[in-house]
């Protein structure tokens, strides 16, 4: 830009020198040649004016472009900073997700252990019932058949206790098609694949293998009292 300005100033100096009456040798030039030279000078002056105006326009455009470039640089810096923050936040979110996944796995294992303990507790209760019966006690000989319930009600009751039915069916230990009761004593949450593979079959030996003798005997007893087995 400085070189262009210097060139423009030199052209202005040359034109001014040529227009000066002291630089023209009037004694050696004809009047027509003098007029032609002056016309050439005017044309050159007009060209110089156009060059000067163009240089001013280019300078203005350059200022605009430089301003836009600086703005773009600031925007880029902001985007770069935001990107860096996003990477940090993403890493933090990944760490939180991994921690949550670990806690979820631990909770699932604890819940499985809890289910096992519930089954064990039910077996112990059933064993107490059997011992009471052996002693001739009438306390556990009858079931309240009014406690029978639909599958939906049974599922809601266990959900209220915190049970997750994902992957489980509300199964009957002794199938209803064989006279099994809808009483909770004849029900268990069963893995879907196991429940469907059992279908309408029932054998005491298989039942004892799967659930234990106490649970199976209790299911048969309640089905005889509250069902049609």
Protein backbone atom coordinates (compact mmCIF):
# COMPACT_ATOMS: atom_id res chain seq x y z
CA UNK A 1 0.00 0.00 0.00
CA UNK A 2 2.85 2.39 0.75
CA UNK A 3 4.52 1.57 -2.61
CA UNK A 4 1.28 2.35 -4.48
CA UNK A 5 0.93 5.68 -2.68
CA UNK A 6 4.53 6.56 -3.48
CA UNK A 7 3.98 5.77 -7.17
CA UNK A 8 0.82 7.90 -7.24
CA UNK A 9 2.71 10.83 -5.69
CA UNK A 10 5.49 10.52 -8.25
CA UNK A 11 2.95 10.60 -11.10
CA UNK A 12 1.36 13.72 -9.58
CA UNK A 13 4.77 15.39 -9.37
CA UNK A 14 5.51 14.53 -13.02
CA UNK A 15 2.16 15.88 -14.23
CA UNK A 16 2.61 19.10 -12.27
CA UNK A 17 6.07 19.56 -13.71
CA UNK A 18 4.83 19.04 -17.25
CA UNK A 19 1.94 21.49 -16.79
CA UNK A 20 4.24 24.24 -15.55
CA UNK A 21 4.68 26.97 -18.29
CA UNK A 22 8.33 27.27 -17.37
CA UNK A 23 9.10 23.76 -18.60
CA UNK A 24 7.76 24.28 -22.11
CA UNK A 25 10.12 25.63 -24.74
CA UNK A 26 7.71 27.85 -26.60
CA UNK A 27 10.32 28.97 -29.08
CA UNK A 28 10.77 25.50 -30.53
CA UNK A 29 7.17 24.20 -30.56
CA UNK A 30 4.32 25.01 -32.85
CA UNK A 31 1.01 26.10 -31.37
CA UNK A 32 -0.71 22.86 -32.46
CA UNK A 33 1.97 20.73 -30.84
CA UNK A 34 1.59 22.73 -27.64
CA UNK A 35 -2.15 22.10 -27.57
CA UNK A 36 -1.60 18.39 -28.25
CA UNK A 37 0.90 18.17 -25.43
CA UNK A 38 -1.52 19.90 -23.06
CA UNK A 39 -4.30 17.52 -24.09
CA UNK A 40 -2.02 14.57 -23.41
CA UNK A 41 -1.24 16.01 -20.01
CA UNK A 42 -4.96 16.31 -19.22
CA UNK A 43 -5.54 12.71 -20.25
CA UNK A 44 -2.63 11.59 -18.11
CA UNK A 45 -4.00 13.64 -15.23
CA UNK A 46 -7.38 11.95 -15.64
CA UNK A 47 -5.67 8.54 -15.65
CA UNK A 48 -3.78 9.49 -12.52
CA UNK A 49 -7.04 10.58 -10.85
CA UNK A 50 -8.65 7.24 -11.74
CA UNK A 51 -5.64 5.33 -10.41
CA UNK A 52 -5.72 7.36 -7.21
CA UNK A 53 -9.47 6.77 -6.77
CA UNK A 54 -8.99 3.06 -7.43
CA UNK A 55 -6.22 2.92 -4.86
CA UNK A 56 -8.48 4.60 -2.31
CA UNK A 57 -11.26 2.07 -3.07
CA UNK A 58 -8.83 -0.83 -2.71
CA UNK A 59 -7.59 0.58 0.58
CA UNK A 60 -11.17 0.77 1.87
CA UNK A 61 -11.87 -2.77 0.71
CA UNK A 62 -8.69 -3.93 2.37
CA UNK A 63 -9.77 -2.36 5.65
CA UNK A 64 -13.15 -4.13 5.38
CA UNK A 65 -11.49 -7.46 4.58
CA UNK A 66 -9.01 -7.03 7.42
CA UNK A 67 -11.87 -6.26 9.82
CA UNK A 68 -13.75 -9.37 8.68
CA UNK A 69 -10.63 -11.46 9.00
CA UNK A 70 -10.07 -10.25 12.55
CA UNK A 71 -13.72 -11.01 13.38
CA UNK A 72 -13.36 -14.48 11.87
CA UNK A 73 -10.25 -15.00 13.99
CA UNK A 74 -12.14 -14.09 17.14
CA UNK A 75 -15.00 -16.42 16.15
CA UNK A 76 -12.53 -19.22 15.49
CA UNK A 77 -10.91 -18.69 18.89
CA UNK A 78 -14.34 -18.83 20.51
CA UNK A 79 -15.27 -22.04 18.64
CA UNK A 80 -11.92 -23.57 19.53
CA UNK A 81 -12.46 -22.73 23.20
CA UNK A 82 -16.00 -24.14 23.08
CA UNK A 83 -14.71 -27.29 21.42
CA UNK A 84 -12.11 -27.74 24.16
CA UNK A 85 -14.78 -27.28 26.83
CA UNK A 86 -17.02 -29.79 25.02
CA UNK A 87 -14.25 -32.38 25.04
CA UNK A 88 -13.79 -31.88 28.78
CA UNK A 89 -17.54 -32.14 29.40
CA UNK A 90 -17.77 -35.23 27.18
CA UNK A 91 -15.01 -36.92 29.13
CA UNK A 92 -16.72 -36.03 32.40
CA UNK A 93 -20.04 -37.37 31.08
CA UNK A 94 -18.32 -40.59 29.98
CA UNK A 95 -16.84 -41.00 33.45
CA UNK A 96 -20.26 -40.40 35.04
CA UNK A 97 -21.85 -42.92 32.67
CA UNK A 98 -19.23 -45.56 33.47
CA UNK A 99 -19.70 -44.94 37.18
CA UNK A 100 -23.49 -45.22 36.78
CA UNK A 101 -23.08 -48.44 34.78
CA UNK A 102 -20.93 -49.90 37.55
CA UNK A 103 -23.52 -48.92 40.16
CA UNK A 104 -26.26 -50.42 37.99
CA UNK A 105 -24.37 -53.70 37.71
CA UNK A 106 -23.83 -53.75 41.45
CA UNK A 107 -27.52 -53.02 42.05
CA UNK A 108 -28.53 -55.82 39.64
CA UNK A 109 -26.28 -58.29 41.45
CA UNK A 110 -27.65 -57.19 44.82
CA UNK A 111 -31.20 -57.54 43.50
CA UNK A 112 -30.47 -61.08 42.26
CA UNK A 113 -29.06 -61.90 45.68
CA UNK A 114 -32.17 -60.41 47.26
CA UNK A 115 -34.41 -62.61 45.09
CA UNK A 116 -32.43 -65.68 46.09
CA UNK A 117 -32.79 -64.71 49.74
CA UNK A 118 -36.55 -64.23 49.27
CA UNK A 119 -36.85 -67.73 47.79
CA UNK A 120 -34.76 -69.15 50.63
CA UNK A 121 -36.93 -67.33 53.15
CA UNK A 122 -40.06 -68.70 51.48
CA UNK A 123 -38.60 -72.19 51.66
CA UNK A 124 -37.85 -71.75 55.36
CA UNK A 125 -41.43 -70.56 55.97
CA UNK A 126 -42.78 -73.54 54.06
CA UNK A 127 -40.57 -75.82 56.09
CA UNK A 128 -42.02 -74.31 59.26
CA UNK A 129 -45.47 -75.04 57.87
CA UNK A 130 -44.52 -78.67 57.25
CA UNK A 131 -43.18 -79.01 60.81
CA UNK A 132 -46.33 -77.50 62.21
CA UNK A 133 -48.39 -79.98 60.23
CA UNK A 134 -46.22 -82.84 61.49
CA UNK A 135 -46.98 -81.73 65.04
CA UNK A 136 -50.69 -81.80 64.24
CA UNK A 137 -51.10 -78.05 64.41
CA UNK A 138 -54.13 -76.71 62.53
CA UNK A 139 -52.65 -73.19 62.24
CA UNK A 140 -51.24 -73.67 58.70
CA UNK A 141 -53.65 -76.25 57.33
CA UNK A 142 -56.01 -73.82 55.63
CA UNK A 143 -55.34 -71.09 53.01
CA UNK A 144 -57.38 -67.93 52.57
CA UNK A 145 -58.73 -68.48 49.06
CA UNK A 146 -59.94 -64.88 48.89
CA UNK A 147 -56.29 -63.90 48.40
CA UNK A 148 -56.33 -65.37 44.89
CA UNK A 149 -55.55 -62.72 42.30
CA UNK A 150 -55.09 -62.14 38.57
CA UNK A 151 -51.72 -62.01 36.87
CA UNK A 152 -51.94 -58.22 36.60
CA UNK A 153 -52.66 -57.83 40.30
CA UNK A 154 -49.85 -60.20 41.22
CA UNK A 155 -47.42 -58.29 39.01
CA UNK A 156 -48.43 -54.94 40.50
CA UNK A 157 -48.05 -56.29 44.04
CA UNK A 158 -44.47 -57.39 43.40
CA UNK A 159 -43.67 -54.17 41.53
CA UNK A 160 -44.77 -52.26 44.63
CA UNK A 161 -42.17 -54.25 46.56
CA UNK A 162 -39.48 -53.25 44.05
CA UNK A 163 -39.45 -56.31 41.79
CA UNK A 164 -38.38 -55.73 38.16
CA UNK A 165 -40.39 -57.92 35.79
CA UNK A 166 -38.00 -57.45 32.89
CA UNK A 167 -37.38 -60.95 31.53
CA UNK A 168 -39.86 -62.62 33.91
CA UNK A 169 -43.40 -64.02 33.72
CA UNK A 170 -45.96 -64.31 36.51
CA UNK A 171 -45.84 -68.09 36.49
CA UNK A 172 -47.97 -70.74 38.20
CA UNK A 173 -46.04 -73.52 39.93
CA UNK A 174 -48.93 -75.91 39.28
CA UNK A 175 -50.47 -74.81 35.92
CA UNK A 176 -54.02 -73.46 35.95
CA UNK A 177 -54.92 -75.84 33.15
CA UNK A 178 -54.28 -78.67 35.60
CA UNK A 179 -56.31 -77.07 38.37
CA UNK A 180 -53.67 -74.82 39.86
CA UNK A 181 -54.85 -71.98 42.07
CA UNK A 182 -54.33 -68.24 41.49
CA UNK A 183 -53.32 -67.92 45.14
CA UNK A 184 -49.85 -66.33 45.70
CA UNK A 185 -48.74 -69.64 47.25
CA UNK A 186 -48.98 -71.18 43.76
CA UNK A 187 -47.12 -68.36 42.03
CA UNK A 188 -43.52 -67.43 41.38
CA UNK A 189 -41.74 -64.95 39.08
CA UNK A 190 -40.26 -67.26 36.45
CA UNK A 191 -37.83 -66.52 33.63
CA UNK A 192 -39.90 -66.21 30.44
CA UNK A 193 -38.06 -68.99 28.61
CA UNK A 194 -38.45 -71.42 31.56
CA UNK A 195 -42.12 -70.63 32.10
CA UNK A 196 -42.95 -71.19 28.44
CA UNK A 197 -40.87 -74.36 28.19
CA UNK A 198 -42.78 -75.86 31.13
CA UNK A 199 -46.09 -75.06 29.48
CA UNK A 200 -48.94 -77.14 30.95
CA UNK A 201 -46.66 -79.84 32.34
CA UNK A 202 -46.26 -80.60 36.02
CA UNK A 203 -44.38 -83.28 37.88
CA UNK A 204 -43.49 -83.18 41.51
CA UNK A 205 -39.94 -84.35 40.89
CA UNK A 206 -39.26 -81.60 38.34
CA UNK A 207 -40.95 -79.03 40.56
CA UNK A 208 -38.81 -80.05 43.55
CA UNK A 209 -35.68 -79.82 41.37
CA UNK A 210 -36.57 -76.29 40.30
CA UNK A 211 -38.14 -74.77 43.41
CA UNK A 212 -37.65 -77.12 46.34
CA UNK A 213 -39.98 -79.60 48.01
CA UNK A 214 -41.53 -77.17 50.50
CA UNK A 215 -42.63 -74.67 47.82
CA UNK A 216 -44.00 -77.43 45.58
CA UNK A 217 -45.96 -79.14 48.38
CA UNK A 218 -47.44 -75.78 49.37
CA UNK A 219 -48.47 -75.08 45.77
CA UNK A 220 -50.20 -78.45 45.54
CA UNK A 221 -51.94 -77.92 48.88
CA UNK A 222 -53.29 -74.47 47.97
CA UNK A 223 -54.38 -75.73 44.54
CA UNK A 224 -56.36 -78.50 46.21
CA UNK A 225 -58.02 -76.05 48.60
CA UNK A 226 -58.51 -73.01 46.31
CA UNK A 227 -58.25 -74.57 42.85
CA UNK A 228 -59.53 -77.74 41.20
CA UNK A 229 -56.42 -79.93 41.46
